């Protein structure tokens, strides 16, 4: 019996932001809220089952950038006086 090759996973926009989302500790639910894109859609995009439109891609990337900026701002903010 001949072996069949499995197809390589599709490369979609989600493969670009998925690792960054995990690195920032952002859940798919939080990313969905911040970007205005349905949680299920983001999951499908990250798993290579759906290609995001240019607008969807931009919205997700902007939400991640905002989260990264907020995180950096929180880390560099001076301690509040007590």
Protein backbone atom coordinates (compact mmCIF):
# COMPACT_ATOMS: atom_id res chain seq x y z
CA UNK A 1 0.00 0.00 0.00
CA UNK A 2 1.38 3.38 -1.00
CA UNK A 3 1.75 6.12 1.57
CA UNK A 4 -0.09 9.31 0.94
CA UNK A 5 1.41 12.65 1.75
CA UNK A 6 -0.58 14.99 3.87
CA UNK A 7 -0.89 18.50 2.59
CA UNK A 8 1.08 21.19 4.34
CA UNK A 9 -1.08 23.48 6.45
CA UNK A 10 -2.24 26.63 4.73
CA UNK A 11 -0.41 29.81 5.63
CA UNK A 12 -2.87 32.51 6.55
CA UNK A 13 -2.64 35.81 8.35
CA UNK A 14 -3.38 34.04 11.62
CA UNK A 15 -0.02 32.29 11.60
CA UNK A 16 1.56 35.74 11.83
CA UNK A 17 -0.31 37.01 14.86
CA UNK A 18 -1.02 33.75 16.74
CA UNK A 19 2.44 33.46 18.31
CA UNK A 20 2.44 37.18 19.17
CA UNK A 21 -0.97 36.87 20.82
CA UNK A 22 0.28 33.98 22.95
CA UNK A 23 3.50 35.85 23.77
CA UNK A 24 1.44 38.79 25.05
CA UNK A 25 -0.81 36.46 27.05
CA UNK A 26 -3.96 37.57 25.24
CA UNK A 27 -6.81 35.11 24.90
CA UNK A 28 -8.73 34.74 21.66
CA UNK A 29 -11.75 36.14 23.51
CA UNK A 30 -9.86 39.32 24.48
CA UNK A 31 -8.48 39.70 20.97
CA UNK A 32 -11.98 39.31 19.56
CA UNK A 33 -13.30 42.03 21.88
CA UNK A 34 -10.45 44.40 21.03
CA UNK A 35 -10.61 43.84 17.27
CA UNK A 36 -14.36 43.53 16.83
CA UNK A 37 -13.94 40.21 15.00
CA UNK A 38 -15.82 37.13 16.17
CA UNK A 39 -13.90 34.73 18.40
CA UNK A 40 -14.64 31.79 16.10
CA UNK A 41 -13.36 33.68 13.08
CA UNK A 42 -10.06 34.47 14.81
CA UNK A 43 -9.68 30.83 15.79
CA UNK A 44 -10.30 29.68 12.21
CA UNK A 45 -7.77 32.21 10.91
CA UNK A 46 -5.10 31.15 13.39
CA UNK A 47 -5.65 27.50 12.50
CA UNK A 48 -5.28 28.17 8.76
CA UNK A 49 -8.87 27.36 7.91
CA UNK A 50 -9.85 30.88 6.91
CA UNK A 51 -7.96 33.72 5.27
CA UNK A 52 -8.58 37.13 6.81
CA UNK A 53 -9.45 40.05 4.60
CA UNK A 54 -7.02 42.92 4.57
CA UNK A 55 -9.28 44.87 6.88
CA UNK A 56 -9.62 41.97 9.34
CA UNK A 57 -5.86 41.49 9.34
CA UNK A 58 -5.30 45.19 10.02
CA UNK A 59 -7.87 45.21 12.85
CA UNK A 60 -6.27 42.23 14.58
CA UNK A 61 -2.77 43.63 14.20
CA UNK A 62 -3.91 47.02 15.54
CA UNK A 63 -5.53 45.33 18.55
CA UNK A 64 -2.31 43.41 19.25
CA UNK A 65 -0.21 46.53 18.84
CA UNK A 66 -2.50 48.35 21.26
CA UNK A 67 -2.14 45.54 23.77
CA UNK A 68 1.64 45.52 23.40
CA UNK A 69 1.80 49.31 23.82
CA UNK A 70 -0.45 49.18 26.86
CA UNK A 71 1.67 46.41 28.38
CA UNK A 72 4.89 48.37 27.74
CA UNK A 73 3.30 51.50 29.20
CA UNK A 74 2.25 49.60 32.31
CA UNK A 75 5.77 48.25 32.76
CA UNK A 76 7.46 51.62 32.39
CA UNK A 77 4.96 53.67 34.40
CA UNK A 78 6.40 55.19 37.58
CA UNK A 79 5.13 53.84 40.85
CA UNK A 80 2.27 55.91 42.22
CA UNK A 81 2.96 57.74 45.47
CA UNK A 82 1.24 56.31 48.52
